[in-house]
């Protein structure tokens, strides 16, 4: 989610160019609905959004899917914002404009901690296996693809 549609589109293109499957969402309500349908491995969200901010979204995601990693982005970040986001459980807190390599490094790091393999950057798009989703007793989702919800 992002309050800037151009940035939302740019980050989606950057992630897709690295063979990540990305589902963009324009706001927190659409993101919450998309999580159930899309089953992402990672959520990247803006800190400041209308109606529900990134911290409130992070709390709701943690309540429903406690093991889902969330990367927070903001153009107006302050040290107290970063502290609050990380204390609330955000995997990372990045300031915009975020460099492509920094974003990709944080995405890869977040996906490594979720326990799923990163996508092949040389493999064909069609060569990836079909997505499967299962929940263990600990409610930790396991995926066969690297899916990112970008809101």
N, C-alpha and C. Protein backbone atom coordinates (compact mmCIF):
# COMPACT_ATOMS: atom_id res chain seq x y z
N UNK A 1 0.85 -1.16 0.00
CA UNK A 1 0.00 0.00 0.00
C UNK A 1 0.89 1.22 0.00
N UNK A 2 0.43 2.19 -0.69
CA UNK A 2 1.18 3.42 -0.71
C UNK A 2 0.24 4.55 -1.07
N UNK A 3 0.48 5.72 -0.48
CA UNK A 3 -0.35 6.87 -0.79
C UNK A 3 0.01 7.48 -2.13
N UNK A 4 1.10 7.02 -2.75
CA UNK A 4 1.54 7.50 -4.05
C UNK A 4 1.40 6.37 -5.07
N UNK A 5 0.38 6.45 -5.96
CA UNK A 5 0.17 5.37 -6.93
C UNK A 5 1.38 5.13 -7.83
N UNK A 6 2.12 6.19 -8.15
CA UNK A 6 3.31 6.02 -8.99
C UNK A 6 4.38 5.19 -8.30
N UNK A 7 4.60 5.44 -7.01
CA UNK A 7 5.58 4.68 -6.27
C UNK A 7 5.12 3.23 -6.08
N UNK A 8 3.84 3.05 -5.84
CA UNK A 8 3.29 1.70 -5.73
C UNK A 8 3.57 0.92 -7.00
N UNK A 9 3.34 1.54 -8.16
CA UNK A 9 3.57 0.90 -9.45
C UNK A 9 5.07 0.62 -9.65
N UNK A 10 5.93 1.60 -9.32
CA UNK A 10 7.38 1.43 -9.49
C UNK A 10 7.91 0.27 -8.65
N UNK A 11 7.53 0.21 -7.38
CA UNK A 11 8.02 -0.87 -6.53
C UNK A 11 7.49 -2.22 -6.97
N UNK A 12 6.26 -2.24 -7.46
CA UNK A 12 5.69 -3.48 -7.99
C UNK A 12 6.50 -3.96 -9.19
N UNK A 13 6.83 -3.06 -10.09
CA UNK A 13 7.64 -3.41 -11.27
C UNK A 13 9.02 -3.91 -10.84
N UNK A 14 9.65 -3.23 -9.89
CA UNK A 14 10.98 -3.65 -9.42
C UNK A 14 10.95 -5.06 -8.84
N UNK A 15 9.95 -5.34 -8.05
CA UNK A 15 9.86 -6.66 -7.42
C UNK A 15 9.53 -7.73 -8.46
N UNK A 16 8.64 -7.43 -9.37
CA UNK A 16 8.30 -8.41 -10.42
C UNK A 16 9.49 -8.68 -11.32
N UNK A 17 10.34 -7.69 -11.55
CA UNK A 17 11.52 -7.89 -12.40
C UNK A 17 12.48 -8.90 -11.77
N UNK A 18 12.36 -9.10 -10.47
CA UNK A 18 13.20 -10.06 -9.75
C UNK A 18 12.48 -11.39 -9.54
N UNK A 19 11.40 -11.59 -10.28
CA UNK A 19 10.62 -12.84 -10.28
C UNK A 19 9.78 -13.05 -9.02
N UNK A 20 9.50 -11.98 -8.29
CA UNK A 20 8.57 -12.08 -7.18
C UNK A 20 7.16 -11.92 -7.72
N UNK A 21 6.24 -12.63 -7.14
CA UNK A 21 4.84 -12.46 -7.48
C UNK A 21 4.29 -11.39 -6.55
N UNK A 22 3.79 -10.30 -7.12
CA UNK A 22 3.40 -9.13 -6.33
C UNK A 22 1.92 -8.83 -6.55
N UNK A 23 1.24 -8.55 -5.46
CA UNK A 23 -0.15 -8.12 -5.49
C UNK A 23 -0.21 -6.72 -4.89
N UNK A 24 -0.46 -5.69 -5.70
CA UNK A 24 -0.58 -4.35 -5.13
C UNK A 24 -1.95 -4.11 -4.52
N UNK A 25 -2.01 -3.33 -3.47
CA UNK A 25 -3.28 -2.95 -2.82
C UNK A 25 -3.21 -1.46 -2.53
N UNK A 26 -4.29 -0.76 -2.79
CA UNK A 26 -4.29 0.70 -2.66
C UNK A 26 -4.51 1.19 -1.23
N UNK A 27 -5.02 0.34 -0.35
CA UNK A 27 -5.26 0.78 1.02
C UNK A 27 -5.25 -0.43 1.95
N UNK A 28 -5.32 -0.16 3.24
CA UNK A 28 -5.22 -1.23 4.24
C UNK A 28 -6.38 -2.21 4.16
N UNK A 29 -7.59 -1.72 3.93
CA UNK A 29 -8.75 -2.61 3.85
C UNK A 29 -8.58 -3.60 2.69
N UNK A 30 -8.12 -3.10 1.55
CA UNK A 30 -7.90 -4.00 0.40
C UNK A 30 -6.75 -4.95 0.68
N UNK A 31 -5.76 -4.50 1.40
CA UNK A 31 -4.63 -5.37 1.74
C UNK A 31 -5.08 -6.52 2.64
N UNK A 32 -5.88 -6.21 3.64
CA UNK A 32 -6.37 -7.26 4.54
C UNK A 32 -7.20 -8.29 3.78
N UNK A 33 -8.01 -7.82 2.86
CA UNK A 33 -8.80 -8.75 2.05
C UNK A 33 -7.89 -9.58 1.14
N UNK A 34 -6.85 -8.95 0.61
CA UNK A 34 -5.95 -9.65 -0.30
C UNK A 34 -5.11 -10.71 0.39
N UNK A 35 -4.80 -10.53 1.65
CA UNK A 35 -3.97 -11.52 2.35
C UNK A 35 -4.62 -12.89 2.35
N UNK A 36 -5.91 -12.93 2.60
CA UNK A 36 -6.62 -14.21 2.61
C UNK A 36 -6.62 -14.86 1.24
N UNK A 37 -6.81 -14.06 0.21
CA UNK A 37 -6.90 -14.57 -1.16
C UNK A 37 -5.52 -14.85 -1.75
N UNK A 38 -4.59 -13.93 -1.57
CA UNK A 38 -3.28 -14.00 -2.22
C UNK A 38 -2.25 -14.80 -1.42
N UNK A 39 -2.39 -14.82 -0.11
CA UNK A 39 -1.50 -15.56 0.79
C UNK A 39 -0.03 -15.17 0.62
N UNK A 40 0.30 -13.93 0.91
CA UNK A 40 1.69 -13.48 0.70
C UNK A 40 2.64 -14.04 1.75
N UNK A 41 3.92 -14.04 1.39
CA UNK A 41 4.99 -14.38 2.32
C UNK A 41 5.49 -13.14 3.04
N UNK A 42 5.18 -11.98 2.48
CA UNK A 42 5.71 -10.72 2.98
C UNK A 42 4.74 -9.61 2.61
N UNK A 43 4.60 -8.62 3.49
CA UNK A 43 3.82 -7.42 3.19
C UNK A 43 4.77 -6.23 3.27
N UNK A 44 4.70 -5.37 2.27
CA UNK A 44 5.44 -4.12 2.28
C UNK A 44 4.39 -3.01 2.29
N UNK A 45 4.44 -2.17 3.31
CA UNK A 45 3.41 -1.15 3.44
C UNK A 45 3.98 0.21 3.79
N UNK A 46 3.21 1.22 3.48
CA UNK A 46 3.56 2.59 3.84
C UNK A 46 3.18 2.82 5.30
N UNK A 47 3.93 3.66 5.98
CA UNK A 47 3.61 4.00 7.37
C UNK A 47 2.37 4.89 7.44
N UNK A 48 2.33 5.90 6.58
CA UNK A 48 1.25 6.88 6.64
C UNK A 48 0.26 6.64 5.51
N UNK A 49 -0.96 6.28 5.89
CA UNK A 49 -2.04 6.05 4.93
C UNK A 49 -3.32 6.59 5.54
N UNK A 50 -4.27 6.89 4.68
CA UNK A 50 -5.58 7.34 5.15
C UNK A 50 -6.32 6.17 5.79
N UNK A 51 -7.23 6.46 6.66
CA UNK A 51 -8.12 5.51 7.33
C UNK A 51 -7.39 4.61 8.33
N UNK A 52 -6.44 3.79 7.88
CA UNK A 52 -5.67 2.92 8.77
C UNK A 52 -4.20 3.11 8.44
N UNK A 53 -3.40 3.52 9.40
CA UNK A 53 -1.98 3.72 9.12
C UNK A 53 -1.23 2.38 9.14
N UNK A 54 0.03 2.44 8.78
CA UNK A 54 0.83 1.22 8.70
C UNK A 54 0.99 0.48 10.01
N UNK A 55 1.07 1.20 11.11
CA UNK A 55 1.20 0.55 12.43
C UNK A 55 -0.09 -0.21 12.77
N UNK A 56 -1.23 0.40 12.52
CA UNK A 56 -2.51 -0.28 12.78
C UNK A 56 -2.65 -1.50 11.87
N UNK A 57 -2.22 -1.37 10.62
CA UNK A 57 -2.26 -2.52 9.70
C UNK A 57 -1.32 -3.61 10.21
N UNK A 58 -0.12 -3.24 10.63
CA UNK A 58 0.83 -4.20 11.18
C UNK A 58 0.21 -4.97 12.35
N UNK A 59 -0.44 -4.26 13.27
CA UNK A 59 -1.07 -4.92 14.41
C UNK A 59 -2.16 -5.89 13.97
N UNK A 60 -2.96 -5.49 12.99
CA UNK A 60 -4.03 -6.37 12.51
C UNK A 60 -3.46 -7.59 11.80
N UNK A 61 -2.42 -7.39 11.00
CA UNK A 61 -1.77 -8.52 10.34
C UNK A 61 -1.18 -9.48 11.37
N UNK A 62 -0.54 -8.94 12.41
CA UNK A 62 0.04 -9.79 13.45
C UNK A 62 -1.03 -10.55 14.21
N UNK A 63 -2.17 -9.92 14.41
CA UNK A 63 -3.26 -10.59 15.12
C UNK A 63 -3.77 -11.78 14.30
N UNK A 64 -3.93 -11.58 13.00
CA UNK A 64 -4.49 -12.63 12.14
C UNK A 64 -3.45 -13.63 11.64
N UNK A 65 -2.26 -13.14 11.30
CA UNK A 65 -1.19 -13.98 10.74
C UNK A 65 0.10 -13.64 11.46
N UNK A 66 0.31 -14.16 12.65
CA UNK A 66 1.43 -13.73 13.50
C UNK A 66 2.82 -13.92 12.90
N UNK A 67 2.99 -14.82 11.95
CA UNK A 67 4.34 -15.05 11.42
C UNK A 67 4.60 -14.32 10.10
N UNK A 68 3.66 -13.52 9.65
CA UNK A 68 3.82 -12.80 8.39
C UNK A 68 4.72 -11.58 8.59
N UNK A 69 5.84 -11.54 7.86
CA UNK A 69 6.76 -10.41 7.96
C UNK A 69 6.20 -9.18 7.27
N UNK A 70 6.49 -8.00 7.85
CA UNK A 70 6.03 -6.73 7.30
C UNK A 70 7.21 -5.77 7.24
N UNK A 71 7.44 -5.20 6.06
CA UNK A 71 8.42 -4.14 5.88
C UNK A 71 7.66 -2.83 5.77
N UNK A 72 8.08 -1.85 6.54
CA UNK A 72 7.42 -0.54 6.58
C UNK A 72 8.25 0.46 5.79
N UNK A 73 7.58 1.24 4.93
CA UNK A 73 8.22 2.31 4.16
C UNK A 73 7.60 3.64 4.55
N UNK A 74 8.39 4.70 4.52
CA UNK A 74 7.83 6.03 4.74
C UNK A 74 8.74 7.10 4.14
N UNK A 75 8.11 8.16 3.67
CA UNK A 75 8.85 9.31 3.18
C UNK A 75 9.08 10.32 4.29
N UNK A 76 8.36 10.15 5.38
CA UNK A 76 8.39 11.12 6.47
C UNK A 76 8.87 10.48 7.76
N UNK A 77 9.82 9.57 7.66
CA UNK A 77 10.25 8.82 8.82
C UNK A 77 11.06 9.62 9.82
N UNK A 78 10.79 9.34 11.06
CA UNK A 78 11.56 9.92 12.15
C UNK A 78 12.09 8.77 12.99
N UNK A 79 13.03 9.07 13.84
CA UNK A 79 13.55 8.02 14.73
C UNK A 79 12.44 7.45 15.60
N UNK A 80 11.56 8.29 16.19
CA UNK A 80 10.46 7.70 16.97
C UNK A 80 9.54 6.80 16.13
N UNK A 81 9.32 7.16 14.85
CA UNK A 81 8.51 6.30 13.98
C UNK A 81 9.19 4.95 13.78
N UNK A 82 10.48 4.97 13.52
CA UNK A 82 11.23 3.73 13.30
C UNK A 82 11.22 2.87 14.55
N UNK A 83 11.40 3.49 15.71
CA UNK A 83 11.38 2.75 16.97
C UNK A 83 10.01 2.13 17.20
N UNK A 84 8.96 2.92 16.99
CA UNK A 84 7.60 2.40 17.19
C UNK A 84 7.31 1.25 16.24
N UNK A 85 7.70 1.38 14.97
CA UNK A 85 7.45 0.32 13.99
C UNK A 85 8.18 -0.96 14.37
N UNK A 86 9.46 -0.84 14.72
CA UNK A 86 10.21 -2.05 15.05
C UNK A 86 9.76 -2.65 16.39
N UNK A 87 9.42 -1.82 17.35
CA UNK A 87 8.89 -2.34 18.62
C UNK A 87 7.53 -3.00 18.42
N UNK A 88 6.80 -2.56 17.41
CA UNK A 88 5.50 -3.14 17.10
C UNK A 88 5.63 -4.44 16.31
N UNK A 89 6.84 -4.73 15.83
CA UNK A 89 7.05 -6.00 15.15
C UNK A 89 7.35 -5.90 13.67
N UNK A 90 7.55 -4.70 13.13
CA UNK A 90 7.93 -4.59 11.72
C UNK A 90 9.28 -5.25 11.51
N UNK A 91 9.42 -5.97 10.41
CA UNK A 91 10.68 -6.63 10.10
C UNK A 91 11.75 -5.61 9.78
N UNK A 92 11.38 -4.56 9.03
CA UNK A 92 12.32 -3.51 8.66
C UNK A 92 11.57 -2.21 8.47
N UNK A 93 12.30 -1.12 8.58
CA UNK A 93 11.74 0.22 8.42
C UNK A 93 12.65 0.96 7.46
N UNK A 94 12.14 1.28 6.26
CA UNK A 94 12.94 1.92 5.23
C UNK A 94 12.36 3.29 4.88
N UNK A 95 13.24 4.24 4.56
CA UNK A 95 12.75 5.56 4.17
C UNK A 95 12.76 5.69 2.65
N UNK A 96 11.74 6.39 2.15
CA UNK A 96 11.62 6.65 0.72
C UNK A 96 12.34 7.95 0.40
N UNK A 97 12.93 8.05 -0.75
CA UNK A 97 12.96 7.02 -1.79
C UNK A 97 13.96 5.93 -1.41
N UNK A 98 13.52 4.70 -1.52
CA UNK A 98 14.37 3.57 -1.14
C UNK A 98 15.15 3.12 -2.38
N UNK A 99 16.42 2.87 -2.19
CA UNK A 99 17.26 2.38 -3.28
C UNK A 99 16.83 0.96 -3.64
N UNK A 100 16.88 0.65 -4.92
CA UNK A 100 16.45 -0.67 -5.40
C UNK A 100 17.18 -1.80 -4.68
N UNK A 101 18.50 -1.70 -4.59
CA UNK A 101 19.28 -2.78 -3.97
C UNK A 101 18.96 -2.92 -2.48
N UNK A 102 18.76 -1.81 -1.79
CA UNK A 102 18.41 -1.88 -0.37
C UNK A 102 17.06 -2.57 -0.19
N UNK A 103 16.09 -2.22 -1.03
CA UNK A 103 14.77 -2.87 -0.96
C UNK A 103 14.90 -4.37 -1.22
N UNK A 104 15.62 -4.74 -2.28
CA UNK A 104 15.74 -6.16 -2.62
C UNK A 104 16.49 -6.94 -1.54
N UNK A 105 17.49 -6.32 -0.91
CA UNK A 105 18.20 -6.98 0.19
C UNK A 105 17.28 -7.23 1.37
N UNK A 106 16.47 -6.24 1.73
CA UNK A 106 15.55 -6.40 2.86
C UNK A 106 14.46 -7.43 2.54
N UNK A 107 13.97 -7.42 1.31
CA UNK A 107 12.97 -8.41 0.90
C UNK A 107 13.55 -9.80 1.00
N UNK A 108 14.74 -10.01 0.46
CA UNK A 108 15.39 -11.32 0.51
C UNK A 108 15.62 -11.76 1.95
N UNK A 109 16.06 -10.83 2.78
CA UNK A 109 16.31 -11.14 4.20
C UNK A 109 15.01 -11.53 4.90
N UNK A 110 13.94 -10.78 4.64
CA UNK A 110 12.65 -11.09 5.26
C UNK A 110 12.13 -12.44 4.80
N UNK A 111 12.32 -12.75 3.53
CA UNK A 111 11.84 -14.03 3.01
C UNK A 111 12.68 -15.19 3.52
N UNK A 112 13.98 -14.97 3.71
CA UNK A 112 14.82 -16.03 4.29
C UNK A 112 14.36 -16.39 5.69
N UNK A 113 13.97 -15.40 6.47
CA UNK A 113 13.54 -15.70 7.84
C UNK A 113 12.19 -16.39 7.88
N UNK A 114 11.44 -16.30 6.78
CA UNK A 114 10.14 -16.98 6.77
C UNK A 114 10.30 -18.46 6.43
N UNK A 115 11.49 -18.86 6.00
CA UNK A 115 11.76 -20.27 5.79
C UNK A 115 11.49 -20.79 4.40
N UNK A 116 11.11 -19.94 3.45
CA UNK A 116 10.84 -20.39 2.08
C UNK A 116 11.98 -19.98 1.17
N UNK A 117 12.20 -20.74 0.09
CA UNK A 117 13.29 -20.39 -0.83
C UNK A 117 12.97 -19.13 -1.61
N UNK A 118 14.02 -18.37 -1.96
CA UNK A 118 13.82 -17.18 -2.77
C UNK A 118 13.65 -17.61 -4.22
N UNK A 119 12.99 -16.78 -5.04
CA UNK A 119 12.76 -17.17 -6.42
C UNK A 119 14.06 -17.22 -7.21
N UNK A 120 14.07 -18.07 -8.21
CA UNK A 120 15.22 -18.14 -9.10
C UNK A 120 15.23 -16.90 -9.96
N UNK A 121 16.33 -16.21 -9.97
CA UNK A 121 16.41 -14.99 -10.78
C UNK A 121 16.79 -15.32 -12.22
N UNK A 122 17.15 -16.58 -12.50
CA UNK A 122 17.48 -16.97 -13.86
C UNK A 122 16.41 -17.86 -14.46
N UNK A 123 15.55 -18.43 -13.63
CA UNK A 123 14.52 -19.34 -14.12
C UNK A 123 13.40 -18.62 -14.84
N UNK A 124 12.73 -19.35 -15.69
CA UNK A 124 11.60 -18.79 -16.42
C UNK A 124 10.43 -18.59 -15.48
N UNK A 125 9.62 -17.61 -15.76
CA UNK A 125 8.46 -17.29 -14.93
C UNK A 125 7.52 -18.49 -14.80
N UNK A 126 7.35 -19.25 -15.87
CA UNK A 126 6.41 -20.37 -15.86
C UNK A 126 6.97 -21.61 -15.19
N UNK A 127 8.26 -21.60 -14.84
CA UNK A 127 8.87 -22.80 -14.28
C UNK A 127 8.62 -22.95 -12.78
N UNK A 128 8.03 -21.93 -12.14
CA UNK A 128 7.80 -22.03 -10.70
C UNK A 128 6.63 -22.96 -10.43
N UNK A 129 6.68 -23.67 -9.31
CA UNK A 129 5.59 -24.58 -8.99
C UNK A 129 4.33 -23.82 -8.61
N UNK A 130 3.21 -24.49 -8.71
CA UNK A 130 1.94 -23.88 -8.29
C UNK A 130 1.99 -23.59 -6.81
N UNK A 131 1.34 -22.52 -6.43
CA UNK A 131 1.37 -22.13 -5.02
C UNK A 131 0.51 -23.06 -4.19
N UNK A 132 1.02 -23.41 -3.03
CA UNK A 132 0.26 -24.19 -2.08
C UNK A 132 0.37 -23.51 -0.73
N UNK A 133 -0.70 -23.55 0.02
CA UNK A 133 -0.70 -22.87 1.32
C UNK A 133 -1.18 -23.85 2.36
N UNK A 134 -0.45 -23.96 3.46
CA UNK A 134 -0.89 -24.82 4.54
C UNK A 134 -0.56 -24.14 5.85
N UNK A 135 -1.27 -24.48 6.88
CA UNK A 135 -1.00 -23.93 8.20
C UNK A 135 -0.60 -25.07 9.12
N UNK A 136 0.42 -24.82 9.90
CA UNK A 136 0.83 -25.79 10.89
C UNK A 136 0.11 -25.46 12.19
N UNK A 137 0.33 -26.27 13.19
CA UNK A 137 -0.32 -26.03 14.48
C UNK A 137 0.09 -24.68 15.08
N UNK A 138 1.25 -24.19 14.71
CA UNK A 138 1.71 -22.92 15.24
C UNK A 138 1.19 -21.73 14.44
N UNK A 139 0.34 -21.97 13.48
CA UNK A 139 -0.23 -20.97 12.56
C UNK A 139 0.83 -20.31 11.70
N UNK A 140 1.96 -20.94 11.52
CA UNK A 140 2.98 -20.40 10.63
C UNK A 140 2.66 -20.86 9.21
N UNK A 141 2.37 -19.90 8.29
CA UNK A 141 2.07 -20.32 6.93
C UNK A 141 3.32 -20.79 6.21
N UNK A 142 3.17 -21.78 5.36
CA UNK A 142 4.27 -22.21 4.50
C UNK A 142 3.80 -22.08 3.06
N UNK A 143 4.67 -21.59 2.20
CA UNK A 143 4.30 -21.32 0.82
C UNK A 143 5.27 -22.03 -0.12
N UNK A 144 4.83 -22.25 -1.32
CA UNK A 144 5.74 -22.82 -2.32
C UNK A 144 6.27 -21.74 -3.26
N UNK A 145 5.79 -20.50 -3.15
CA UNK A 145 6.27 -19.39 -3.95
C UNK A 145 6.59 -18.22 -3.03
N UNK A 146 7.27 -17.24 -3.58
CA UNK A 146 7.57 -16.00 -2.86
C UNK A 146 6.60 -14.95 -3.31
N UNK A 147 5.60 -14.70 -2.49
CA UNK A 147 4.56 -13.75 -2.81
C UNK A 147 4.67 -12.53 -1.91
N UNK A 148 4.52 -11.37 -2.52
CA UNK A 148 4.61 -10.11 -1.77
C UNK A 148 3.36 -9.29 -1.99
N UNK A 149 2.76 -8.87 -0.90
CA UNK A 149 1.64 -7.93 -0.96
C UNK A 149 2.22 -6.55 -0.76
N UNK A 150 2.06 -5.69 -1.74
CA UNK A 150 2.62 -4.33 -1.68
C UNK A 150 1.48 -3.36 -1.52
N UNK A 151 1.42 -2.73 -0.35
CA UNK A 151 0.35 -1.78 -0.11
C UNK A 151 0.92 -0.45 0.30
